[in-house]
């Protein structure tokens, strides 16, 4: 019983602020949440770099091919981090929720939800980095197969990015075309 009173009291206190202040604060929180997605690309790129170093140590003659595949794969693995950054920057510098008419609580929750949605980018970042690492490893073993390895790696990375794109779509819907405001 006391916990529900706390929640009600907290929400009442929160709603005592001006709606613009609530939305600005929620947008800052959402932007911070969005950047958590950077964990995935960091892990994925580190894995790809580690596999690159390993491949070069095993086959120093294939350094050019191996490094190219590692860099290309790591660049693709950064996609979900870039998408999260774009959402965070929108919330900080071009936020469509500021000044929006409607329930301030829903608008606030939408800002936080948009940021939370982008956390889904962790998975694609790690998965794409794993594909980059394995592509790098394979190129180190068979440098003459670089073209086929890169093609296969990129197709796999594209498929791995789908959940990151779904997260971006939800974040953009919450920011620009929020259906919850019309309910």
C-alpha atoms as a PDB file:
ATOM      1  CA  UNK A   1       0.000   0.000   0.000  1.00  0.00           C
ATOM      2  CA  UNK A   2       2.825   2.385   0.842  1.00  0.00           C
ATOM      3  CA  UNK A   3       4.602   1.756  -2.453  1.00  0.00           C
ATOM      4  CA  UNK A   4       1.511   2.692  -4.472  1.00  0.00           C
ATOM      5  CA  UNK A   5       1.160   5.875  -2.405  1.00  0.00           C
ATOM      6  CA  UNK A   6       4.785   6.690  -3.144  1.00  0.00           C
ATOM      7  CA  UNK A   7       4.235   6.241  -6.866  1.00  0.00           C
ATOM      8  CA  UNK A   8       1.082   8.362  -6.837  1.00  0.00           C
ATOM      9  CA  UNK A   9       2.817  11.055  -4.801  1.00  0.00           C
ATOM     10  CA  UNK A  10       5.832  10.984  -7.109  1.00  0.00           C
ATOM     11  CA  UNK A  11       3.667  11.285 -10.239  1.00  0.00           C
ATOM     12  CA  UNK A  12       1.679  14.133  -8.680  1.00  0.00           C
ATOM     13  CA  UNK A  13       4.931  15.889  -7.796  1.00  0.00           C
ATOM     14  CA  UNK A  14       6.270  15.322 -11.300  1.00  0.00           C
ATOM     15  CA  UNK A  15       3.143  16.757 -12.898  1.00  0.00           C
ATOM     16  CA  UNK A  16       3.450  19.890 -10.738  1.00  0.00           C
ATOM     17  CA  UNK A  17       6.214  21.109 -13.080  1.00  0.00           C
ATOM     18  CA  UNK A  18       5.589  22.934 -16.335  1.00  0.00           C
ATOM     19  CA  UNK A  19       4.982  20.489 -19.202  1.00  0.00           C
ATOM     20  CA  UNK A  20       7.923  21.862 -21.219  1.00  0.00           C
ATOM     21  CA  UNK A  21      10.325  21.235 -18.321  1.00  0.00           C
ATOM     22  CA  UNK A  22       9.054  17.673 -17.934  1.00  0.00           C
ATOM     23  CA  UNK A  23       9.478  16.960 -21.657  1.00  0.00           C
ATOM     24  CA  UNK A  24      12.959  18.520 -21.712  1.00  0.00           C
ATOM     25  CA  UNK A  25      14.050  16.438 -18.720  1.00  0.00           C
ATOM     26  CA  UNK A  26      12.578  13.267 -20.222  1.00  0.00           C
ATOM     27  CA  UNK A  27      14.309  14.022 -23.535  1.00  0.00           C
ATOM     28  CA  UNK A  28      17.655  14.319 -21.794  1.00  0.00           C
ATOM     29  CA  UNK A  29      17.050  10.975 -20.084  1.00  0.00           C
ATOM     30  CA  UNK A  30      15.934   9.428 -23.395  1.00  0.00           C
ATOM     31  CA  UNK A  31      19.033  10.723 -25.178  1.00  0.00           C
ATOM     32  CA  UNK A  32      21.199   9.139 -22.499  1.00  0.00           C
ATOM     33  CA  UNK A  33      19.346   5.844 -22.776  1.00  0.00           C
ATOM     34  CA  UNK A  34      19.739   5.890 -26.572  1.00  0.00           C
ATOM     35  CA  UNK A  35      23.501   6.065 -26.277  1.00  0.00           C
ATOM     36  CA  UNK A  36      23.595   2.822 -24.301  1.00  0.00           C
ATOM     37  CA  UNK A  37      23.337   1.231 -27.747  1.00  0.00           C
ATOM     38  CA  UNK A  38      26.995   2.171 -28.264  1.00  0.00           C
ATOM     39  CA  UNK A  39      27.924  -0.825 -26.139  1.00  0.00           C
ATOM     40  CA  UNK A  40      27.121  -3.221 -29.001  1.00  0.00           C
ATOM     41  CA  UNK A  41      29.308  -1.639 -31.659  1.00  0.00           C
ATOM     42  CA  UNK A  42      32.123  -1.262 -29.138  1.00  0.00           C
ATOM     43  CA  UNK A  43      32.059  -4.961 -28.328  1.00  0.00           C
ATOM     44  CA  UNK A  44      31.616  -5.951 -31.971  1.00  0.00           C
ATOM     45  CA  UNK A  45      34.393  -3.739 -33.255  1.00  0.00           C
ATOM     46  CA  UNK A  46      36.732  -4.932 -30.542  1.00  0.00           C
ATOM     47  CA  UNK A  47      36.045  -8.514 -31.542  1.00  0.00           C
ATOM     48  CA  UNK A  48      36.697  -7.718 -35.213  1.00  0.00           C
ATOM     49  CA  UNK A  49      39.953  -5.947 -34.340  1.00  0.00           C
ATOM     50  CA  UNK A  50      41.055  -8.867 -32.189  1.00  0.00           C
ATOM     51  CA  UNK A  51      40.351 -11.314 -34.993  1.00  0.00           C
ATOM     52  CA  UNK A  52      42.267  -9.009 -37.351  1.00  0.00           C
ATOM     53  CA  UNK A  53      45.325  -9.048 -35.119  1.00  0.00           C
ATOM     54  CA  UNK A  54      45.052 -12.806 -34.777  1.00  0.00           C
ATOM     55  CA  UNK A  55      44.728 -13.307 -38.544  1.00  0.00           C
ATOM     56  CA  UNK A  56      47.734 -11.092 -39.316  1.00  0.00           C
ATOM     57  CA  UNK A  57      49.846 -12.929 -36.751  1.00  0.00           C
ATOM     58  CA  UNK A  58      49.028 -16.225 -38.450  1.00  0.00           C
ATOM     59  CA  UNK A  59      49.450 -14.959 -42.020  1.00  0.00           C
ATOM     60  CA  UNK A  60      51.488 -11.730 -42.195  1.00  0.00           C
ATOM     61  CA  UNK A  61      51.477 -11.834 -46.002  1.00  0.00           C
ATOM     62  CA  UNK A  62      47.698 -11.215 -46.015  1.00  0.00           C
ATOM     63  CA  UNK A  63      47.868  -8.031 -43.922  1.00  0.00           C
ATOM     64  CA  UNK A  64      46.386  -5.817 -46.644  1.00  0.00           C
ATOM     65  CA  UNK A  65      43.386  -8.064 -47.353  1.00  0.00           C
ATOM     66  CA  UNK A  66      42.798  -8.839 -43.694  1.00  0.00           C
ATOM     67  CA  UNK A  67      42.959  -5.217 -42.584  1.00  0.00           C
ATOM     68  CA  UNK A  68      40.561  -4.103 -45.311  1.00  0.00           C
ATOM     69  CA  UNK A  69      37.967  -6.694 -44.330  1.00  0.00           C
ATOM     70  CA  UNK A  70      38.377  -5.852 -40.649  1.00  0.00           C
ATOM     71  CA  UNK A  71      37.930  -2.113 -41.249  1.00  0.00           C
ATOM     72  CA  UNK A  72      34.954  -2.567 -43.574  1.00  0.00           C
ATOM     73  CA  UNK A  73      33.246  -4.972 -41.198  1.00  0.00           C
ATOM     74  CA  UNK A  74      33.913  -2.782 -38.164  1.00  0.00           C
ATOM     75  CA  UNK A  75      32.516   0.256 -39.999  1.00  0.00           C
ATOM     76  CA  UNK A  76      29.279  -1.583 -40.730  1.00  0.00           C
ATOM     77  CA  UNK A  77      29.124  -2.739 -37.106  1.00  0.00           C
ATOM     78  CA  UNK A  78      29.020   0.935 -36.053  1.00  0.00           C
ATOM     79  CA  UNK A  79      25.641   1.454 -37.765  1.00  0.00           C
ATOM     80  CA  UNK A  80      23.483   0.924 -34.688  1.00  0.00           C
ATOM     81  CA  UNK A  81      25.652   3.321 -32.685  1.00  0.00           C
ATOM     82  CA  UNK A  82      25.201   5.961 -35.379  1.00  0.00           C
ATOM     83  CA  UNK A  83      21.424   5.425 -35.454  1.00  0.00           C
ATOM     84  CA  UNK A  84      21.307   5.829 -31.672  1.00  0.00           C
ATOM     85  CA  UNK A  85      23.381   8.992 -31.919  1.00  0.00           C
ATOM     86  CA  UNK A  86      20.970  10.426 -34.487  1.00  0.00           C
ATOM     87  CA  UNK A  87      17.993   9.793 -32.198  1.00  0.00           C
ATOM     88  CA  UNK A  88      19.842  11.317 -29.232  1.00  0.00           C
ATOM     89  CA  UNK A  89      20.770  14.403 -31.268  1.00  0.00           C
ATOM     90  CA  UNK A  90      17.180  14.801 -32.465  1.00  0.00           C
ATOM     91  CA  UNK A  91      16.002  14.731 -28.854  1.00  0.00           C
ATOM     92  CA  UNK A  92      18.624  17.246 -27.784  1.00  0.00           C
ATOM     93  CA  UNK A  93      18.641  19.700 -30.703  1.00  0.00           C
ATOM     94  CA  UNK A  94      15.535  19.243 -32.854  1.00  0.00           C
ATOM     95  CA  UNK A  95      13.034  17.678 -30.525  1.00  0.00           C
ATOM     96  CA  UNK A  96       9.548  17.613 -32.076  1.00  0.00           C
ATOM     97  CA  UNK A  97       8.031  16.841 -28.675  1.00  0.00           C
ATOM     98  CA  UNK A  98       8.828  20.270 -27.246  1.00  0.00           C
ATOM     99  CA  UNK A  99       5.739  22.452 -27.309  1.00  0.00           C
ATOM    100  CA  UNK A 100       3.555  19.548 -28.423  1.00  0.00           C
ATOM    101  CA  UNK A 101      -0.038  19.793 -27.229  1.00  0.00           C
ATOM    102  CA  UNK A 102      -1.356  16.844 -25.278  1.00  0.00           C
ATOM    103  CA  UNK A 103      -0.858  14.940 -22.075  1.00  0.00           C
ATOM    104  CA  UNK A 104       2.581  15.870 -20.707  1.00  0.00           C
ATOM    105  CA  UNK A 105       2.949  12.445 -19.102  1.00  0.00           C
ATOM    106  CA  UNK A 106       2.493  10.668 -22.460  1.00  0.00           C
ATOM    107  CA  UNK A 107       4.884  13.064 -24.185  1.00  0.00           C
ATOM    108  CA  UNK A 108       7.451  12.560 -21.413  1.00  0.00           C
ATOM    109  CA  UNK A 109       7.100   8.789 -21.595  1.00  0.00           C
ATOM    110  CA  UNK A 110       7.461   8.945 -25.387  1.00  0.00           C
ATOM    111  CA  UNK A 111      10.787  10.773 -25.090  1.00  0.00           C
ATOM    112  CA  UNK A 112      12.109   8.200 -22.648  1.00  0.00           C
ATOM    113  CA  UNK A 113      10.637   5.354 -24.726  1.00  0.00           C
ATOM    114  CA  UNK A 114      12.338   6.603 -27.894  1.00  0.00           C
ATOM    115  CA  UNK A 115      15.673   6.445 -26.109  1.00  0.00           C
ATOM    116  CA  UNK A 116      14.972   3.056 -24.582  1.00  0.00           C
ATOM    117  CA  UNK A 117      13.983   1.665 -27.993  1.00  0.00           C
ATOM    118  CA  UNK A 118      17.444   2.400 -29.330  1.00  0.00           C
ATOM    119  CA  UNK A 119      19.029   0.104 -26.752  1.00  0.00           C
ATOM    120  CA  UNK A 120      18.002  -2.679 -29.146  1.00  0.00           C
ATOM    121  CA  UNK A 121      21.036  -1.593 -31.190  1.00  0.00           C
ATOM    122  CA  UNK A 122      23.300  -3.490 -28.823  1.00  0.00           C
ATOM    123  CA  UNK A 123      22.456  -6.805 -30.496  1.00  0.00           C
ATOM    124  CA  UNK A 124      23.109  -5.767 -34.082  1.00  0.00           C
ATOM    125  CA  UNK A 125      26.375  -4.084 -33.081  1.00  0.00           C
ATOM    126  CA  UNK A 126      27.661  -7.243 -31.443  1.00  0.00           C
ATOM    127  CA  UNK A 127      26.331  -9.506 -34.216  1.00  0.00           C
ATOM    128  CA  UNK A 128      27.781  -7.409 -37.004  1.00  0.00           C
ATOM    129  CA  UNK A 129      31.106  -7.238 -35.189  1.00  0.00           C
ATOM    130  CA  UNK A 130      31.090 -11.005 -34.831  1.00  0.00           C
ATOM    131  CA  UNK A 131      30.474 -11.356 -38.576  1.00  0.00           C
ATOM    132  CA  UNK A 132      33.288  -8.868 -39.226  1.00  0.00           C
ATOM    133  CA  UNK A 133      35.619 -10.835 -36.986  1.00  0.00           C
ATOM    134  CA  UNK A 134      34.840 -14.111 -38.679  1.00  0.00           C
ATOM    135  CA  UNK A 135      35.186 -12.508 -42.119  1.00  0.00           C
ATOM    136  CA  UNK A 136      38.556 -11.114 -41.092  1.00  0.00           C
ATOM    137  CA  UNK A 137      39.629 -14.479 -39.735  1.00  0.00           C
ATOM    138  CA  UNK A 138      38.564 -16.246 -42.933  1.00  0.00           C
ATOM    139  CA  UNK A 139      40.383 -13.701 -45.105  1.00  0.00           C
ATOM    140  CA  UNK A 140      43.545 -14.250 -43.103  1.00  0.00           C
ATOM    141  CA  UNK A 141      43.321 -17.962 -43.835  1.00  0.00           C
ATOM    142  CA  UNK A 142      42.319 -17.603 -47.518  1.00  0.00           C
ATOM    143  CA  UNK A 143      43.182 -14.118 -48.829  1.00  0.00           C
ATOM    144  CA  UNK A 144      42.367 -15.085 -52.421  1.00  0.00           C
ATOM    145  CA  UNK A 145      38.733 -15.587 -51.333  1.00  0.00           C
ATOM    146  CA  UNK A 146      38.452 -12.018 -50.004  1.00  0.00           C
ATOM    147  CA  UNK A 147      35.758 -10.923 -52.463  1.00  0.00           C
ATOM    148  CA  UNK A 148      33.425 -13.832 -51.688  1.00  0.00           C
ATOM    149  CA  UNK A 149      34.079 -13.531 -47.942  1.00  0.00           C
ATOM    150  CA  UNK A 150      33.294  -9.794 -47.935  1.00  0.00           C
ATOM    151  CA  UNK A 151      30.082 -10.332 -49.910  1.00  0.00           C
ATOM    152  CA  UNK A 152      28.893 -13.004 -47.496  1.00  0.00           C
ATOM    153  CA  UNK A 153      29.919 -10.940 -44.473  1.00  0.00           C
ATOM    154  CA  UNK A 154      28.025  -7.873 -45.709  1.00  0.00           C
ATOM    155  CA  UNK A 155      24.848  -9.846 -46.422  1.00  0.00           C
ATOM    156  CA  UNK A 156      24.996 -11.321 -42.927  1.00  0.00           C
ATOM    157  CA  UNK A 157      25.601  -7.907 -41.400  1.00  0.00           C
ATOM    158  CA  UNK A 158      22.648  -6.456 -43.310  1.00  0.00           C
ATOM    159  CA  UNK A 159      20.361  -9.144 -41.928  1.00  0.00           C
ATOM    160  CA  UNK A 160      21.761  -8.606 -38.421  1.00  0.00           C
ATOM    161  CA  UNK A 161      20.890  -4.887 -38.609  1.00  0.00           C
ATOM    162  CA  UNK A 162      17.131  -5.472 -38.956  1.00  0.00           C
ATOM    163  CA  UNK A 163      16.358  -5.233 -35.240  1.00  0.00           C
ATOM    164  CA  UNK A 164      18.335  -1.999 -35.033  1.00  0.00           C
ATOM    165  CA  UNK A 165      16.217  -0.592 -37.856  1.00  0.00           C
ATOM    166  CA  UNK A 166      13.034  -1.718 -36.090  1.00  0.00           C
ATOM    167  CA  UNK A 167      14.207   0.161 -33.006  1.00  0.00           C
ATOM    168  CA  UNK A 168      14.877   3.278 -35.082  1.00  0.00           C
ATOM    169  CA  UNK A 169      11.384   3.104 -36.608  1.00  0.00           C
ATOM    170  CA  UNK A 170       9.753   2.887 -33.167  1.00  0.00           C
ATOM    171  CA  UNK A 171      11.875   5.762 -31.848  1.00  0.00           C
ATOM    172  CA  UNK A 172      10.978   7.944 -34.828  1.00  0.00           C
ATOM    173  CA  UNK A 173       7.282   7.092 -34.519  1.00  0.00           C
ATOM    174  CA  UNK A 174       7.358   8.069 -30.839  1.00  0.00           C
ATOM    175  CA  UNK A 175       9.081  11.334 -31.715  1.00  0.00           C
ATOM    176  CA  UNK A 176       7.302  12.398 -34.912  1.00  0.00           C
ATOM    177  CA  UNK A 177       4.015  10.515 -35.359  1.00  0.00           C
ATOM    178  CA  UNK A 178       3.031   9.377 -31.903  1.00  0.00           C
ATOM    179  CA  UNK A 179      -0.294   7.504 -32.100  1.00  0.00           C
ATOM    180  CA  UNK A 180      -0.628   7.520 -28.312  1.00  0.00           C
ATOM    181  CA  UNK A 181      -1.424  11.222 -28.250  1.00  0.00           C
ATOM    182  CA  UNK A 182      -4.663  10.654 -30.164  1.00  0.00           C
ATOM    183  CA  UNK A 183      -6.073   7.969 -27.861  1.00  0.00           C
END
